[in-house]
Amino acid sequence: MCRSIKNLRRVEEPVTTDDVRAAARQYVRKISGYQHPPKYRTELFERAVDEVASASQRLVDAMELSVK
């Protein structure tokens, strides 16, 4: 299922907030099946992006990979 998910940064570079948000959006698009959700699903889609980005940021922070 996730074979087409692309790396959004190089391993040797620190993770930025934009990297985390882009990865969260890519994941939610993949898992939901929507590249652009219908208007009536936009709020739900954006909330999912927020939640995935939050969990991802906690992981990045715990691994000390983010820009300080």
N, C-alpha and C. Protein backbone atom coordinates (compact mmCIF):
# COMPACT_ATOMS: atom_id res chain seq x y z
N MET A 1 0.82 -1.19 0.00
CA MET A 1 0.00 0.00 0.00
C MET A 1 0.86 1.26 0.00
N CYS A 2 1.92 1.32 0.74
CA CYS A 2 2.68 2.55 0.92
C CYS A 2 3.91 2.65 0.02
N ARG A 3 3.96 1.87 -1.03
CA ARG A 3 5.15 1.88 -1.87
C ARG A 3 5.41 3.22 -2.55
N SER A 4 4.37 4.00 -2.80
CA SER A 4 4.58 5.26 -3.50
C SER A 4 4.83 6.44 -2.58
N ILE A 5 4.85 6.23 -1.27
CA ILE A 5 5.17 7.32 -0.36
C ILE A 5 6.65 7.66 -0.53
N LYS A 6 6.91 8.94 -0.76
CA LYS A 6 8.27 9.39 -1.05
C LYS A 6 8.95 9.94 0.21
N ASN A 7 10.26 9.82 0.26
CA ASN A 7 11.01 10.49 1.32
C ASN A 7 10.90 11.99 1.10
N LEU A 8 10.63 12.72 2.15
CA LEU A 8 10.44 14.16 2.03
C LEU A 8 11.66 14.95 2.47
N ARG A 9 12.70 14.26 2.89
CA ARG A 9 13.92 14.95 3.32
C ARG A 9 15.08 13.98 3.24
N ARG A 10 16.27 14.50 3.34
CA ARG A 10 17.46 13.66 3.37
C ARG A 10 17.76 13.28 4.82
N VAL A 11 18.29 12.11 5.01
CA VAL A 11 18.53 11.59 6.35
C VAL A 11 19.48 12.48 7.14
N GLU A 12 20.48 13.05 6.47
CA GLU A 12 21.48 13.85 7.18
C GLU A 12 20.98 15.26 7.55
N GLU A 13 19.82 15.65 7.06
CA GLU A 13 19.27 16.97 7.37
C GLU A 13 18.30 16.88 8.54
N PRO A 14 18.25 17.91 9.38
CA PRO A 14 17.28 17.90 10.48
C PRO A 14 15.84 18.02 9.96
N VAL A 15 14.92 17.49 10.72
CA VAL A 15 13.51 17.52 10.35
C VAL A 15 12.91 18.88 10.73
N THR A 16 12.20 19.49 9.80
CA THR A 16 11.54 20.77 10.06
C THR A 16 10.05 20.52 10.31
N THR A 17 9.39 21.52 10.82
CA THR A 17 7.94 21.45 11.01
C THR A 17 7.24 21.23 9.68
N ASP A 18 7.74 21.87 8.63
CA ASP A 18 7.16 21.68 7.30
C ASP A 18 7.30 20.23 6.83
N ASP A 19 8.45 19.60 7.13
CA ASP A 19 8.65 18.19 6.78
C ASP A 19 7.60 17.32 7.47
N VAL A 20 7.39 17.57 8.74
CA VAL A 20 6.44 16.78 9.53
C VAL A 20 5.03 16.96 8.97
N ARG A 21 4.66 18.18 8.69
CA ARG A 21 3.32 18.47 8.16
C ARG A 21 3.12 17.84 6.78
N ALA A 22 4.13 17.92 5.92
CA ALA A 22 4.04 17.34 4.58
C ALA A 22 3.91 15.81 4.66
N ALA A 23 4.66 15.21 5.56
CA ALA A 23 4.58 13.75 5.72
C ALA A 23 3.21 13.35 6.25
N ALA A 24 2.68 14.11 7.20
CA ALA A 24 1.35 13.82 7.74
C ALA A 24 0.29 13.92 6.65
N ARG A 25 0.37 14.97 5.84
CA ARG A 25 -0.59 15.14 4.74
C ARG A 25 -0.48 13.99 3.74
N GLN A 26 0.74 13.59 3.42
CA GLN A 26 0.96 12.49 2.48
C GLN A 26 0.36 11.20 3.03
N TYR A 27 0.57 10.95 4.32
CA TYR A 27 0.02 9.74 4.94
C TYR A 27 -1.51 9.75 4.92
N VAL A 28 -2.11 10.87 5.32
CA VAL A 28 -3.57 10.95 5.36
C VAL A 28 -4.15 10.81 3.96
N ARG A 29 -3.51 11.39 2.97
CA ARG A 29 -3.97 11.21 1.59
C ARG A 29 -3.94 9.74 1.19
N LYS A 30 -2.85 9.07 1.54
CA LYS A 30 -2.69 7.67 1.18
C LYS A 30 -3.72 6.79 1.88
N ILE A 31 -3.88 6.98 3.18
CA ILE A 31 -4.76 6.11 3.96
C ILE A 31 -6.24 6.39 3.67
N SER A 32 -6.58 7.65 3.33
CA SER A 32 -7.98 8.01 3.07
C SER A 32 -8.40 7.73 1.63
N GLY A 33 -7.41 7.68 0.74
CA GLY A 33 -7.74 7.50 -0.67
C GLY A 33 -8.06 8.79 -1.40
N TYR A 34 -7.96 9.92 -0.70
CA TYR A 34 -8.27 11.22 -1.30
C TYR A 34 -7.00 12.03 -1.49
N GLN A 35 -6.77 12.49 -2.70
CA GLN A 35 -5.71 13.48 -2.93
C GLN A 35 -6.20 14.84 -2.43
N HIS A 36 -7.44 15.13 -2.78
CA HIS A 36 -8.12 16.35 -2.32
C HIS A 36 -9.51 15.89 -1.88
N PRO A 37 -9.79 15.92 -0.58
CA PRO A 37 -11.09 15.42 -0.10
C PRO A 37 -12.23 16.30 -0.57
N PRO A 38 -13.43 15.74 -0.67
CA PRO A 38 -14.60 16.57 -0.99
C PRO A 38 -14.82 17.61 0.11
N LYS A 39 -15.46 18.70 -0.23
CA LYS A 39 -15.65 19.80 0.72
C LYS A 39 -16.26 19.33 2.04
N TYR A 40 -17.20 18.42 1.98
CA TYR A 40 -17.86 17.98 3.21
C TYR A 40 -16.94 17.13 4.09
N ARG A 41 -15.79 16.72 3.58
CA ARG A 41 -14.82 15.93 4.36
C ARG A 41 -13.54 16.72 4.69
N THR A 42 -13.45 17.95 4.26
CA THR A 42 -12.23 18.75 4.44
C THR A 42 -11.87 18.91 5.91
N GLU A 43 -12.82 19.24 6.75
CA GLU A 43 -12.53 19.44 8.18
C GLU A 43 -12.01 18.15 8.81
N LEU A 44 -12.65 17.04 8.51
CA LEU A 44 -12.22 15.74 9.02
C LEU A 44 -10.81 15.40 8.53
N PHE A 45 -10.55 15.65 7.27
CA PHE A 45 -9.24 15.40 6.66
C PHE A 45 -8.16 16.24 7.34
N GLU A 46 -8.42 17.53 7.52
CA GLU A 46 -7.43 18.43 8.15
C GLU A 46 -7.20 18.07 9.61
N ARG A 47 -8.24 17.64 10.30
CA ARG A 47 -8.07 17.20 11.69
C ARG A 47 -7.17 15.97 11.76
N ALA A 48 -7.34 15.05 10.81
CA ALA A 48 -6.48 13.87 10.76
C ALA A 48 -5.04 14.27 10.49
N VAL A 49 -4.82 15.22 9.58
CA VAL A 49 -3.47 15.71 9.30
C VAL A 49 -2.86 16.30 10.57
N ASP A 50 -3.64 17.09 11.30
CA ASP A 50 -3.15 17.69 12.55
C ASP A 50 -2.74 16.61 13.56
N GLU A 51 -3.57 15.59 13.70
CA GLU A 51 -3.29 14.54 14.68
C GLU A 51 -2.05 13.73 14.29
N VAL A 52 -1.92 13.39 13.02
CA VAL A 52 -0.74 12.64 12.56
C VAL A 52 0.51 13.49 12.69
N ALA A 53 0.42 14.77 12.35
CA ALA A 53 1.56 15.68 12.48
C ALA A 53 1.99 15.80 13.94
N SER A 54 1.03 15.88 14.85
CA SER A 54 1.34 15.99 16.27
C SER A 54 2.07 14.75 16.77
N ALA A 55 1.56 13.57 16.42
CA ALA A 55 2.22 12.32 16.83
C ALA A 55 3.61 12.22 16.21
N SER A 56 3.72 12.61 14.96
CA SER A 56 5.02 12.55 14.26
C SER A 56 6.02 13.51 14.89
N GLN A 57 5.56 14.70 15.27
CA GLN A 57 6.45 15.67 15.88
C GLN A 57 6.96 15.17 17.22
N ARG A 58 6.10 14.51 17.98
CA ARG A 58 6.55 13.93 19.26
C ARG A 58 7.64 12.88 19.02
N LEU A 59 7.47 12.07 18.00
CA LEU A 59 8.48 11.07 17.66
C LEU A 59 9.80 11.74 17.27
N VAL A 60 9.73 12.72 16.40
CA VAL A 60 10.92 13.44 15.95
C VAL A 60 11.62 14.10 17.13
N ASP A 61 10.87 14.74 18.01
CA ASP A 61 11.44 15.38 19.18
C ASP A 61 12.11 14.36 20.11
N ALA A 62 11.47 13.23 20.31
CA ALA A 62 12.02 12.19 21.18
C ALA A 62 13.30 11.62 20.61
N MET A 63 13.37 11.57 19.29
CA MET A 63 14.57 11.04 18.64
C MET A 63 15.62 12.11 18.40
N GLU A 64 15.29 13.33 18.83
CA GLU A 64 16.18 14.49 18.69
C GLU A 64 16.64 14.69 17.25
N LEU A 65 15.67 14.65 16.32
CA LEU A 65 15.95 14.81 14.90
C LEU A 65 15.57 16.19 14.37
N SER A 66 14.85 16.96 15.18
CA SER A 66 14.30 18.22 14.67
C SER A 66 15.30 19.35 14.76
N VAL A 67 14.96 20.41 14.03
CA VAL A 67 15.77 21.64 14.06
C VAL A 67 15.60 22.27 15.43
N LYS A 68 16.70 22.61 16.07
CA LYS A 68 16.62 23.22 17.41
C LYS A 68 16.73 24.72 17.29
